[in-house]
Structures are given as C-alpha cells and as structure tokens.
C-alpha cells in the first residue's frame, strides 16, 4: 500500500490512466466525457512528472488541480447517458481517490 503522498499520487495517476482507457474503449461514452477525462489524465500526469523536487506547496497545488479535473470528470460521467455503469464507476472511483488524498494532505 502506498505510504507517501508521492506514492499515493502515482497510484492515482494509474487509476486515471485506467479511467481514460475505459472511457476511450466505451462505445457509449460521449466525446465530451472523453475530452474531460483526457484533461484529467493530463493533469494527473503533470502532477506525477512534477514530484521530483516539488516542495509542499507545489505538491498541494498539484493535488488540488488533479482534484478539480476529477470533479469535472465525475460530473461528466454522471451526466453521460450512454456511458456504461462500469466505466462510470471507474471514473467515480478515481475521483474518490484524489478527494481522499486531498483531505489527507490538508
């Protein structure tokens, strides 16, 4: 189980990558959902890339940015009538993970 904030953020990035792949593979997912989840994936990747040398403030800002993108992804997944329940749940689970990390680093 990840113990450091960096390890947790790396694990969340893996969840976001999986969510993006699930949305891309879901024939019922809307292009809007795909775009929102891809933006979330870009933010998560950027956060992980910035871990080396990041101070506490930079790390916190990165987590907030990923969480804001996750909020948008969750809202888009919940609003998309064509996305499968499994894909929607993957997005919701990723959102929950970053929310928990944000709360633990507050």
PDB file of N, CA and C in Angstrom:
ATOM      1  N   UNK A   1       0.848  -1.184   0.000  1.00  0.00           N
ATOM      2  CA  UNK A   1       0.000   0.000   0.000  1.00  0.00           C
ATOM      3  C   UNK A   1       0.891   1.244   0.000  1.00  0.00           C
ATOM      4  N   UNK A   2       0.583   2.215  -0.851  1.00  0.00           N
ATOM      5  CA  UNK A   2       1.405   3.425  -0.903  1.00  0.00           C
ATOM      6  C   UNK A   2       1.398   4.159   0.433  1.00  0.00           C
ATOM      7  N   UNK A   3       2.536   4.717   0.788  1.00  0.00           N
ATOM      8  CA  UNK A   3       2.615   5.386   2.078  1.00  0.00           C
ATOM      9  C   UNK A   3       2.911   6.872   1.959  1.00  0.00           C
ATOM     10  N   UNK A   4       3.679   7.281   0.990  1.00  0.00           N
ATOM     11  CA  UNK A   4       3.984   8.699   0.853  1.00  0.00           C
ATOM     12  C   UNK A   4       2.947   9.364  -0.054  1.00  0.00           C
ATOM     13  N   UNK A   5       2.880  10.658   0.042  1.00  0.00           N
ATOM     14  CA  UNK A   5       1.969  11.406  -0.823  1.00  0.00           C
ATOM     15  C   UNK A   5       2.329  11.183  -2.286  1.00  0.00           C
ATOM     16  N   UNK A   6       3.604  11.170  -2.578  1.00  0.00           N
ATOM     17  CA  UNK A   6       4.040  10.925  -3.949  1.00  0.00           C
ATOM     18  C   UNK A   6       3.621   9.560  -4.461  1.00  0.00           C
ATOM     19  N   UNK A   7       3.751   8.555  -3.605  1.00  0.00           N
ATOM     20  CA  UNK A   7       3.327   7.202  -3.992  1.00  0.00           C
ATOM     21  C   UNK A   7       1.821   7.143  -4.202  1.00  0.00           C
ATOM     22  N   UNK A   8       1.088   7.813  -3.340  1.00  0.00           N
ATOM     23  CA  UNK A   8      -0.373   7.841  -3.493  1.00  0.00           C
ATOM     24  C   UNK A   8      -0.761   8.545  -4.790  1.00  0.00           C
ATOM     25  N   UNK A   9      -0.095   9.656  -5.071  1.00  0.00           N
ATOM     26  CA  UNK A   9      -0.393  10.395  -6.295  1.00  0.00           C
ATOM     27  C   UNK A   9      -0.044   9.564  -7.534  1.00  0.00           C
ATOM     28  N   UNK A  10       1.027   8.820  -7.466  1.00  0.00           N
ATOM     29  CA  UNK A  10       1.402   7.942  -8.578  1.00  0.00           C
ATOM     30  C   UNK A  10       0.346   6.866  -8.781  1.00  0.00           C
ATOM     31  N   UNK A  11      -0.154   6.298  -7.709  1.00  0.00           N
ATOM     32  CA  UNK A  11      -1.215   5.282  -7.798  1.00  0.00           C
ATOM     33  C   UNK A  11      -2.501   5.887  -8.376  1.00  0.00           C
ATOM     34  N   UNK A  12      -2.816   7.094  -7.964  1.00  0.00           N
ATOM     35  CA  UNK A  12      -3.999   7.768  -8.505  1.00  0.00           C
ATOM     36  C   UNK A  12      -3.818   8.025  -9.992  1.00  0.00           C
ATOM     37  N   UNK A  13      -2.625   8.407 -10.398  1.00  0.00           N
ATOM     38  CA  UNK A  13      -2.356   8.600 -11.823  1.00  0.00           C
ATOM     39  C   UNK A  13      -2.641   7.311 -12.592  1.00  0.00           C
ATOM     40  N   UNK A  14      -2.255   6.173 -12.023  1.00  0.00           N
ATOM     41  CA  UNK A  14      -2.536   4.892 -12.671  1.00  0.00           C
ATOM     42  C   UNK A  14      -4.041   4.661 -12.796  1.00  0.00           C
ATOM     43  N   UNK A  15      -4.801   5.047 -11.770  1.00  0.00           N
ATOM     44  CA  UNK A  15      -6.258   4.928 -11.829  1.00  0.00           C
ATOM     45  C   UNK A  15      -6.837   5.827 -12.919  1.00  0.00           C
ATOM     46  N   UNK A  16      -6.298   7.031 -13.037  1.00  0.00           N
ATOM     47  CA  UNK A  16      -6.785   7.976 -14.043  1.00  0.00           C
ATOM     48  C   UNK A  16      -6.473   7.459 -15.442  1.00  0.00           C
ATOM     49  N   UNK A  17      -5.303   6.894 -15.629  1.00  0.00           N
ATOM     50  CA  UNK A  17      -4.953   6.298 -16.927  1.00  0.00           C
ATOM     51  C   UNK A  17      -5.929   5.169 -17.262  1.00  0.00           C
ATOM     52  N   UNK A  18      -6.261   4.349 -16.269  1.00  0.00           N
ATOM     53  CA  UNK A  18      -7.223   3.268 -16.481  1.00  0.00           C
ATOM     54  C   UNK A  18      -8.604   3.825 -16.808  1.00  0.00           C
ATOM     55  N   UNK A  19      -8.988   4.895 -16.141  1.00  0.00           N
ATOM     56  CA  UNK A  19     -10.285   5.521 -16.420  1.00  0.00           C
ATOM     57  C   UNK A  19     -10.321   6.069 -17.841  1.00  0.00           C
ATOM     58  N   UNK A  20      -9.241   6.707 -18.260  1.00  0.00           N
ATOM     59  CA  UNK A  20      -9.183   7.249 -19.618  1.00  0.00           C
ATOM     60  C   UNK A  20      -9.265   6.131 -20.654  1.00  0.00           C
ATOM     61  N   UNK A  21      -8.595   5.026 -20.393  1.00  0.00           N
ATOM     62  CA  UNK A  21      -8.652   3.882 -21.313  1.00  0.00           C
ATOM     63  C   UNK A  21     -10.058   3.297 -21.356  1.00  0.00           C
ATOM     64  N   UNK A  22     -10.708   3.218 -20.198  1.00  0.00           N
ATOM     65  CA  UNK A  22     -12.069   2.677 -20.153  1.00  0.00           C
ATOM     66  C   UNK A  22     -13.035   3.567 -20.922  1.00  0.00           C
ATOM     67  N   UNK A  23     -12.910   4.871 -20.750  1.00  0.00           N
ATOM     68  CA  UNK A  23     -13.786   5.802 -21.478  1.00  0.00           C
ATOM     69  C   UNK A  23     -13.520   5.706 -22.972  1.00  0.00           C
ATOM     70  N   UNK A  24     -12.257   5.636 -23.365  1.00  0.00           N
ATOM     71  CA  UNK A  24     -11.918   5.543 -24.790  1.00  0.00           C
ATOM     72  C   UNK A  24     -12.471   4.264 -25.408  1.00  0.00           C
ATOM     73  N   UNK A  25     -12.521   3.195 -24.633  1.00  0.00           N
ATOM     74  CA  UNK A  25     -12.993   1.900 -25.148  1.00  0.00           C
ATOM     75  C   UNK A  25     -14.514   1.754 -25.071  1.00  0.00           C
ATOM     76  N   UNK A  26     -15.164   2.638 -24.354  1.00  0.00           N
ATOM     77  CA  UNK A  26     -16.609   2.551 -24.147  1.00  0.00           C
ATOM     78  C   UNK A  26     -17.330   3.208 -25.328  1.00  0.00           C
ATOM     79  N   UNK A  27     -17.946   2.392 -26.155  1.00  0.00           N
ATOM     80  CA  UNK A  27     -18.620   2.909 -27.358  1.00  0.00           C
ATOM     81  C   UNK A  27     -19.761   3.859 -27.017  1.00  0.00           C
ATOM     82  N   UNK A  28     -20.314   3.752 -25.831  1.00  0.00           N
ATOM     83  CA  UNK A  28     -21.423   4.620 -25.454  1.00  0.00           C
ATOM     84  C   UNK A  28     -21.007   5.938 -24.844  1.00  0.00           C
ATOM     85  N   UNK A  29     -19.736   6.072 -24.518  1.00  0.00           N
ATOM     86  CA  UNK A  29     -19.249   7.303 -23.885  1.00  0.00           C
ATOM     87  C   UNK A  29     -19.259   8.447 -24.885  1.00  0.00           C
ATOM     88  N   UNK A  30     -19.667   9.609 -24.422  1.00  0.00           N
ATOM     89  CA  UNK A  30     -19.739  10.783 -25.300  1.00  0.00           C
ATOM     90  C   UNK A  30     -18.342  11.366 -25.532  1.00  0.00           C
ATOM     91  N   UNK A  31     -18.182  12.093 -26.635  1.00  0.00           N
ATOM     92  CA  UNK A  31     -16.911  12.784 -26.869  1.00  0.00           C
ATOM     93  C   UNK A  31     -16.600  13.803 -25.766  1.00  0.00           C
ATOM     94  N   UNK A  32     -17.627  14.384 -25.192  1.00  0.00           N
ATOM     95  CA  UNK A  32     -17.420  15.338 -24.102  1.00  0.00           C
ATOM     96  C   UNK A  32     -16.784  14.635 -22.907  1.00  0.00           C
ATOM     97  N   UNK A  33     -17.324  13.491 -22.526  1.00  0.00           N
ATOM     98  CA  UNK A  33     -16.736  12.734 -21.426  1.00  0.00           C
ATOM     99  C   UNK A  33     -15.296  12.369 -21.748  1.00  0.00           C
ATOM    100  N   UNK A  34     -15.050  11.922 -22.959  1.00  0.00           N
ATOM    101  CA  UNK A  34     -13.690  11.576 -23.356  1.00  0.00           C
ATOM    102  C   UNK A  34     -12.732  12.742 -23.203  1.00  0.00           C
ATOM    103  N   UNK A  35     -13.152  13.923 -23.634  1.00  0.00           N
ATOM    104  CA  UNK A  35     -12.291  15.107 -23.551  1.00  0.00           C
ATOM    105  C   UNK A  35     -12.025  15.503 -22.097  1.00  0.00           C
ATOM    106  N   UNK A  36     -13.058  15.440 -21.273  1.00  0.00           N
ATOM    107  CA  UNK A  36     -12.903  15.819 -19.862  1.00  0.00           C
ATOM    108  C   UNK A  36     -11.976  14.840 -19.140  1.00  0.00           C
ATOM    109  N   UNK A  37     -12.133  13.565 -19.412  1.00  0.00           N
ATOM    110  CA  UNK A  37     -11.281  12.562 -18.761  1.00  0.00           C
ATOM    111  C   UNK A  37      -9.841  12.673 -19.277  1.00  0.00           C
ATOM    112  N   UNK A  38      -9.671  12.981 -20.539  1.00  0.00           N
ATOM    113  CA  UNK A  38      -8.305  13.173 -21.069  1.00  0.00           C
ATOM    114  C   UNK A  38      -7.625  14.365 -20.397  1.00  0.00           C
ATOM    115  N   UNK A  39      -8.372  15.427 -20.138  1.00  0.00           N
ATOM    116  CA  UNK A  39      -7.808  16.581 -19.426  1.00  0.00           C
ATOM    117  C   UNK A  39      -7.410  16.196 -18.005  1.00  0.00           C
ATOM    118  N   UNK A  40      -8.233  15.398 -17.368  1.00  0.00           N
ATOM    119  CA  UNK A  40      -7.920  14.888 -16.030  1.00  0.00           C
ATOM    120  C   UNK A  40      -6.632  14.069 -16.079  1.00  0.00           C
ATOM    121  N   UNK A  41      -6.504  13.243 -17.091  1.00  0.00           N
ATOM    122  CA  UNK A  41      -5.294  12.421 -17.246  1.00  0.00           C
ATOM    123  C   UNK A  41      -4.061  13.295 -17.462  1.00  0.00           C
ATOM    124  N   UNK A  42      -4.198  14.367 -18.237  1.00  0.00           N
ATOM    125  CA  UNK A  42      -3.063  15.281 -18.449  1.00  0.00           C
ATOM    126  C   UNK A  42      -2.641  15.932 -17.128  1.00  0.00           C
ATOM    127  N   UNK A  43      -3.626  16.358 -16.341  1.00  0.00           N
ATOM    128  CA  UNK A  43      -3.311  16.992 -15.048  1.00  0.00           C
ATOM    129  C   UNK A  43      -2.631  16.002 -14.101  1.00  0.00           C
ATOM    130  N   UNK A  44      -3.129  14.768 -14.076  1.00  0.00           N
ATOM    131  CA  UNK A  44      -2.540  13.749 -13.198  1.00  0.00           C
ATOM    132  C   UNK A  44      -1.109  13.426 -13.633  1.00  0.00           C
ATOM    133  N   UNK A  45      -0.898  13.301 -14.935  1.00  0.00           N
ATOM    134  CA  UNK A  45       0.444  13.015 -15.460  1.00  0.00           C
ATOM    135  C   UNK A  45       1.406  14.160 -15.120  1.00  0.00           C
ATOM    136  N   UNK A  46       0.940  15.378 -15.301  1.00  0.00           N
ATOM    137  CA  UNK A  46       1.760  16.554 -14.986  1.00  0.00           C
ATOM    138  C   UNK A  46       2.124  16.567 -13.499  1.00  0.00           C
ATOM    139  N   UNK A  47       1.165  16.209 -12.646  1.00  0.00           N
ATOM    140  CA  UNK A  47       1.425  16.184 -11.202  1.00  0.00           C
ATOM    141  C   UNK A  47       2.498  15.165 -10.857  1.00  0.00           C
ATOM    142  N   UNK A  48       2.410  13.986 -11.453  1.00  0.00           N
ATOM    143  CA  UNK A  48       3.403  12.943 -11.181  1.00  0.00           C
ATOM    144  C   UNK A  48       4.765  13.347 -11.740  1.00  0.00           C
ATOM    145  N   UNK A  49       4.776  13.935 -12.923  1.00  0.00           N
ATOM    146  CA  UNK A  49       6.046  14.388 -13.505  1.00  0.00           C
ATOM    147  C   UNK A  49       6.727  15.448 -12.645  1.00  0.00           C
ATOM    148  N   UNK A  50       5.934  16.220 -11.915  1.00  0.00           N
ATOM    149  CA  UNK A  50       6.490  17.285 -11.086  1.00  0.00           C
ATOM    150  C   UNK A  50       6.856  16.875  -9.680  1.00  0.00           C
ATOM    151  N   UNK A  51       6.730  15.596  -9.356  1.00  0.00           N
ATOM    152  CA  UNK A  51       7.015  15.142  -7.989  1.00  0.00           C
ATOM    153  C   UNK A  51       8.459  15.386  -7.577  1.00  0.00           C
ATOM    154  N   UNK A  52       9.383  15.093  -8.460  1.00  0.00           N
ATOM    155  CA  UNK A  52      10.798  15.262  -8.117  1.00  0.00           C
ATOM    156  C   UNK A  52      11.085  16.737  -7.881  1.00  0.00           C
ATOM    157  N   UNK A  53      11.526  17.032  -6.706  1.00  0.00           N
ATOM    158  CA  UNK A  53      11.895  18.403  -6.384  1.00  0.00           C
ATOM    159  C   UNK A  53      10.731  19.291  -5.986  1.00  0.00           C
ATOM    160  N   UNK A  54       9.519  18.761  -5.928  1.00  0.00           N
ATOM    161  CA  UNK A  54       8.362  19.569  -5.549  1.00  0.00           C
ATOM    162  C   UNK A  54       8.369  19.798  -4.043  1.00  0.00           C
ATOM    163  N   UNK A  55       8.182  21.052  -3.663  1.00  0.00           N
ATOM    164  CA  UNK A  55       8.039  21.331  -2.235  1.00  0.00           C
ATOM    165  C   UNK A  55       6.588  21.092  -1.826  1.00  0.00           C
ATOM    166  N   UNK A  56       6.319  21.268  -0.559  1.00  0.00           N
ATOM    167  CA  UNK A  56       4.981  21.002  -0.015  1.00  0.00           C
ATOM    168  C   UNK A  56       3.901  21.818  -0.726  1.00  0.00           C
ATOM    169  N   UNK A  57       4.171  23.085  -0.968  1.00  0.00           N
ATOM    170  CA  UNK A  57       3.190  23.965  -1.604  1.00  0.00           C
ATOM    171  C   UNK A  57       2.913  23.538  -3.044  1.00  0.00           C
ATOM    172  N   UNK A  58       3.961  23.192  -3.774  1.00  0.00           N
ATOM    173  CA  UNK A  58       3.789  22.753  -5.163  1.00  0.00           C
ATOM    174  C   UNK A  58       3.030  21.432  -5.230  1.00  0.00           C
ATOM    175  N   UNK A  59       3.325  20.545  -4.311  1.00  0.00           N
ATOM    176  CA  UNK A  59       2.631  19.259  -4.267  1.00  0.00           C
ATOM    177  C   UNK A  59       1.156  19.463  -3.955  1.00  0.00           C
ATOM    178  N   UNK A  60       0.866  20.318  -3.016  1.00  0.00           N
ATOM    179  CA  UNK A  60      -0.525  20.602  -2.646  1.00  0.00           C
ATOM    180  C   UNK A  60      -1.276  21.212  -3.832  1.00  0.00           C
ATOM    181  N   UNK A  61      -0.650  22.140  -4.537  1.00  0.00           N
ATOM    182  CA  UNK A  61      -1.278  22.758  -5.709  1.00  0.00           C
ATOM    183  C   UNK A  61      -1.566  21.715  -6.785  1.00  0.00           C
ATOM    184  N   UNK A  62      -0.630  20.813  -7.005  1.00  0.00           N
ATOM    185  CA  UNK A  62      -0.828  19.760  -7.997  1.00  0.00           C
ATOM    186  C   UNK A  62      -2.014  18.871  -7.622  1.00  0.00           C
ATOM    187  N   UNK A  63      -2.114  18.534  -6.346  1.00  0.00           N
ATOM    188  CA  UNK A  63      -3.222  17.704  -5.886  1.00  0.00           C
ATOM    189  C   UNK A  63      -4.550  18.426  -6.094  1.00  0.00           C
ATOM    190  N   UNK A  64      -4.586  19.709  -5.783  1.00  0.00           N
ATOM    191  CA  UNK A  64      -5.814  20.495  -5.978  1.00  0.00           C
ATOM    192  C   UNK A  64      -6.195  20.535  -7.459  1.00  0.00           C
ATOM    193  N   UNK A  65      -5.228  20.717  -8.334  1.00  0.00           N
ATOM    194  CA  UNK A  65      -5.508  20.757  -9.773  1.00  0.00           C
ATOM    195  C   UNK A  65      -6.056  19.414 -10.269  1.00  0.00           C
ATOM    196  N   UNK A  66      -5.479  18.322  -9.806  1.00  0.00           N
ATOM    197  CA  UNK A  66      -5.962  16.997 -10.205  1.00  0.00           C
ATOM    198  C   UNK A  66      -7.372  16.781  -9.658  1.00  0.00           C
ATOM    199  N   UNK A  67      -7.600  17.219  -8.432  1.00  0.00           N
ATOM    200  CA  UNK A  67      -8.924  17.054  -7.828  1.00  0.00           C
ATOM    201  C   UNK A  67      -9.982  17.871  -8.570  1.00  0.00           C
ATOM    202  N   UNK A  68      -9.642  19.068  -8.992  1.00  0.00           N
ATOM    203  CA  UNK A  68     -10.599  19.893  -9.749  1.00  0.00           C
ATOM    204  C   UNK A  68     -10.934  19.234 -11.089  1.00  0.00           C
ATOM    205  N   UNK A  69      -9.938  18.693 -11.745  1.00  0.00           N
ATOM    206  CA  UNK A  69     -10.184  17.984 -13.003  1.00  0.00           C
ATOM    207  C   UNK A  69     -11.017  16.728 -12.748  1.00  0.00           C
ATOM    208  N   UNK A  70     -10.778  16.068 -11.619  1.00  0.00           N
ATOM    209  CA  UNK A  70     -11.553  14.884 -11.259  1.00  0.00           C
ATOM    210  C   UNK A  70     -13.020  15.239 -11.010  1.00  0.00           C
ATOM    211  N   UNK A  71     -13.256  16.400 -10.397  1.00  0.00           N
ATOM    212  CA  UNK A  71     -14.630  16.862 -10.192  1.00  0.00           C
ATOM    213  C   UNK A  71     -15.364  16.972 -11.524  1.00  0.00           C
ATOM    214  N   UNK A  72     -14.698  17.546 -12.502  1.00  0.00           N
ATOM    215  CA  UNK A  72     -15.295  17.700 -13.832  1.00  0.00           C
ATOM    216  C   UNK A  72     -15.532  16.343 -14.490  1.00  0.00           C
ATOM    217  N   UNK A  73     -14.576  15.443 -14.338  1.00  0.00           N
ATOM    218  CA  UNK A  73     -14.718  14.106 -14.930  1.00  0.00           C
ATOM    219  C   UNK A  73     -15.883  13.353 -14.297  1.00  0.00           C
ATOM    220  N   UNK A  74     -16.001  13.450 -12.989  1.00  0.00           N
ATOM    221  CA  UNK A  74     -17.099  12.776 -12.297  1.00  0.00           C
ATOM    222  C   UNK A  74     -18.436  13.338 -12.750  1.00  0.00           C
ATOM    223  N   UNK A  75     -18.545  14.651 -12.832  1.00  0.00           N
ATOM    224  CA  UNK A  75     -19.791  15.280 -13.272  1.00  0.00           C
ATOM    225  C   UNK A  75     -20.135  14.857 -14.700  1.00  0.00           C
ATOM    226  N   UNK A  76     -19.141  14.818 -15.560  1.00  0.00           N
ATOM    227  CA  UNK A  76     -19.371  14.408 -16.947  1.00  0.00           C
ATOM    228  C   UNK A  76     -19.799  12.951 -17.026  1.00  0.00           C
ATOM    229  N   UNK A  77     -19.178  12.100 -16.226  1.00  0.00           N
ATOM    230  CA  UNK A  77     -19.541  10.673 -16.231  1.00  0.00           C
ATOM    231  C   UNK A  77     -20.956  10.467 -15.721  1.00  0.00           C
ATOM    232  N   UNK A  78     -21.313  11.212 -14.696  1.00  0.00           N
ATOM    233  CA  UNK A  78     -22.663  11.080 -14.140  1.00  0.00           C
ATOM    234  C   UNK A  78     -23.726  11.617 -15.102  1.00  0.00           C
ATOM    235  N   UNK A  79     -23.375  12.597 -15.918  1.00  0.00           N
ATOM    236  CA  UNK A  79     -24.333  13.210 -16.837  1.00  0.00           C
ATOM    237  C   UNK A  79     -24.434  12.485 -18.174  1.00  0.00           C
ATOM    238  N   UNK A  80     -23.477  11.633 -18.474  1.00  0.00           N
ATOM    239  CA  UNK A  80     -23.437  10.966 -19.779  1.00  0.00           C
ATOM    240  C   UNK A  80     -24.412   9.784 -19.790  1.00  0.00           C
ATOM    241  N   UNK A  81     -25.485   9.878 -20.583  1.00  0.00           N
ATOM    242  CA  UNK A  81     -26.474   8.794 -20.572  1.00  0.00           C
ATOM    243  C   UNK A  81     -26.007   7.530 -21.293  1.00  0.00           C
ATOM    244  N   UNK A  82     -24.961   7.628 -22.100  1.00  0.00           N
ATOM    245  CA  UNK A  82     -24.543   6.478 -22.892  1.00  0.00           C
ATOM    246  C   UNK A  82     -23.412   5.653 -22.307  1.00  0.00           C
ATOM    247  N   UNK A  83     -22.724   6.209 -21.327  1.00  0.00           N
ATOM    248  CA  UNK A  83     -21.566   5.513 -20.769  1.00  0.00           C
ATOM    249  C   UNK A  83     -22.037   4.306 -19.951  1.00  0.00           C
ATOM    250  N   UNK A  84     -21.243   3.246 -19.976  1.00  0.00           N
ATOM    251  CA  UNK A  84     -21.607   2.039 -19.214  1.00  0.00           C
ATOM    252  C   UNK A  84     -21.440   2.295 -17.715  1.00  0.00           C
ATOM    253  N   UNK A  85     -22.163   1.527 -16.932  1.00  0.00           N
ATOM    254  CA  UNK A  85     -22.060   1.652 -15.477  1.00  0.00           C
ATOM    255  C   UNK A  85     -20.636   1.364 -15.000  1.00  0.00           C
ATOM    256  N   UNK A  86     -19.982   0.392 -15.610  1.00  0.00           N
ATOM    257  CA  UNK A  86     -18.618   0.033 -15.205  1.00  0.00           C
ATOM    258  C   UNK A  86     -17.648   1.185 -15.462  1.00  0.00           C
ATOM    259  N   UNK A  87     -17.769   1.808 -16.621  1.00  0.00           N
ATOM    260  CA  UNK A  87     -16.889   2.934 -16.947  1.00  0.00           C
ATOM    261  C   UNK A  87     -17.180   4.110 -16.021  1.00  0.00           C
ATOM    262  N   UNK A  88     -18.444   4.388 -15.807  1.00  0.00           N
ATOM    263  CA  UNK A  88     -18.823   5.470 -14.902  1.00  0.00           C
ATOM    264  C   UNK A  88     -18.211   5.223 -13.512  1.00  0.00           C
ATOM    265  N   UNK A  89     -18.262   3.994 -13.041  1.00  0.00           N
ATOM    266  CA  UNK A  89     -17.741   3.675 -11.712  1.00  0.00           C
ATOM    267  C   UNK A  89     -16.230   3.849 -11.635  1.00  0.00           C
ATOM    268  N   UNK A  90     -15.531   3.518 -12.699  1.00  0.00           N
ATOM    269  CA  UNK A  90     -14.072   3.713 -12.712  1.00  0.00           C
ATOM    270  C   UNK A  90     -13.736   5.195 -12.543  1.00  0.00           C
ATOM    271  N   UNK A  91     -14.486   6.049 -13.213  1.00  0.00           N
ATOM    272  CA  UNK A  91     -14.261   7.495 -13.091  1.00  0.00           C
ATOM    273  C   UNK A  91     -14.584   7.954 -11.666  1.00  0.00           C
ATOM    274  N   UNK A  92     -15.696   7.494 -11.135  1.00  0.00           N
ATOM    275  CA  UNK A  92     -16.100   7.877  -9.776  1.00  0.00           C
ATOM    276  C   UNK A  92     -15.069   7.396  -8.755  1.00  0.00           C
ATOM    277  N   UNK A  93     -14.559   6.193  -8.928  1.00  0.00           N
ATOM    278  CA  UNK A  93     -13.543   5.666  -8.005  1.00  0.00           C
ATOM    279  C   UNK A  93     -12.264   6.500  -8.042  1.00  0.00           C
ATOM    280  N   UNK A  94     -11.853   6.903  -9.232  1.00  0.00           N
ATOM    281  CA  UNK A  94     -10.665   7.750  -9.350  1.00  0.00           C
ATOM    282  C   UNK A  94     -10.879   9.101  -8.688  1.00  0.00           C
ATOM    283  N   UNK A  95     -12.077   9.645  -8.851  1.00  0.00           N
ATOM    284  CA  UNK A  95     -12.421  10.908  -8.209  1.00  0.00           C
ATOM    285  C   UNK A  95     -12.331  10.772  -6.688  1.00  0.00           C
ATOM    286  N   UNK A  96     -12.889   9.715  -6.157  1.00  0.00           N
ATOM    287  CA  UNK A  96     -12.855   9.494  -4.717  1.00  0.00           C
ATOM    288  C   UNK A  96     -11.415   9.394  -4.210  1.00  0.00           C
ATOM    289  N   UNK A  97     -10.570   8.720  -4.956  1.00  0.00           N
ATOM    290  CA  UNK A  97      -9.175   8.550  -4.527  1.00  0.00           C
ATOM    291  C   UNK A  97      -8.453   9.888  -4.396  1.00  0.00           C
ATOM    292  N   UNK A  98      -8.634  10.785  -5.353  1.00  0.00           N
ATOM    293  CA  UNK A  98      -7.941  12.076  -5.265  1.00  0.00           C
ATOM    294  C   UNK A  98      -8.572  12.943  -4.181  1.00  0.00           C
ATOM    295  N   UNK A  99      -9.874  12.816  -3.963  1.00  0.00           N
ATOM    296  CA  UNK A  99     -10.517  13.565  -2.878  1.00  0.00           C
ATOM    297  C   UNK A  99      -9.974  13.135  -1.518  1.00  0.00           C
ATOM    298  N   UNK A 100      -9.777  11.843  -1.349  1.00  0.00           N
ATOM    299  CA  UNK A 100      -9.226  11.325  -0.093  1.00  0.00           C
ATOM    300  C   UNK A 100      -7.799  11.836   0.095  1.00  0.00           C
ATOM    301  N   UNK A 101      -6.991  11.800  -0.970  1.00  0.00           N
ATOM    302  CA  UNK A 101      -5.618  12.303  -0.859  1.00  0.00           C
ATOM    303  C   UNK A 101      -5.616  13.785  -0.521  1.00  0.00           C
ATOM    304  N   UNK A 102      -6.478  14.542  -1.150  1.00  0.00           N
ATOM    305  CA  UNK A 102      -6.550  15.984  -0.864  1.00  0.00           C
ATOM    306  C   UNK A 102      -6.888  16.211   0.606  1.00  0.00           C
ATOM    307  N   UNK A 103      -7.847  15.452   1.125  1.00  0.00           N
ATOM    308  CA  UNK A 103      -8.240  15.588   2.523  1.00  0.00           C
ATOM    309  C   UNK A 103      -7.096  15.208   3.471  1.00  0.00           C
ATOM    310  N   UNK A 104      -6.342  14.198   3.114  1.00  0.00           N
ATOM    311  CA  UNK A 104      -5.237  13.750   3.970  1.00  0.00           C
ATOM    312  C   UNK A 104      -4.061  14.707   3.960  1.00  0.00           C
ATOM    313  N   UNK A 105      -3.987  15.550   2.938  1.00  0.00           N
ATOM    314  CA  UNK A 105      -2.855  16.484   2.843  1.00  0.00           C
ATOM    315  C   UNK A 105      -3.261  17.904   3.191  1.00  0.00           C
ATOM    316  N   UNK A 106      -4.481  18.078   3.669  1.00  0.00           N
ATOM    317  CA  UNK A 106      -4.971  19.428   4.005  1.00  0.00           C
ATOM    318  C   UNK A 106      -4.252  20.005   5.207  1.00  0.00           C
TER     319      UNK A 106
END
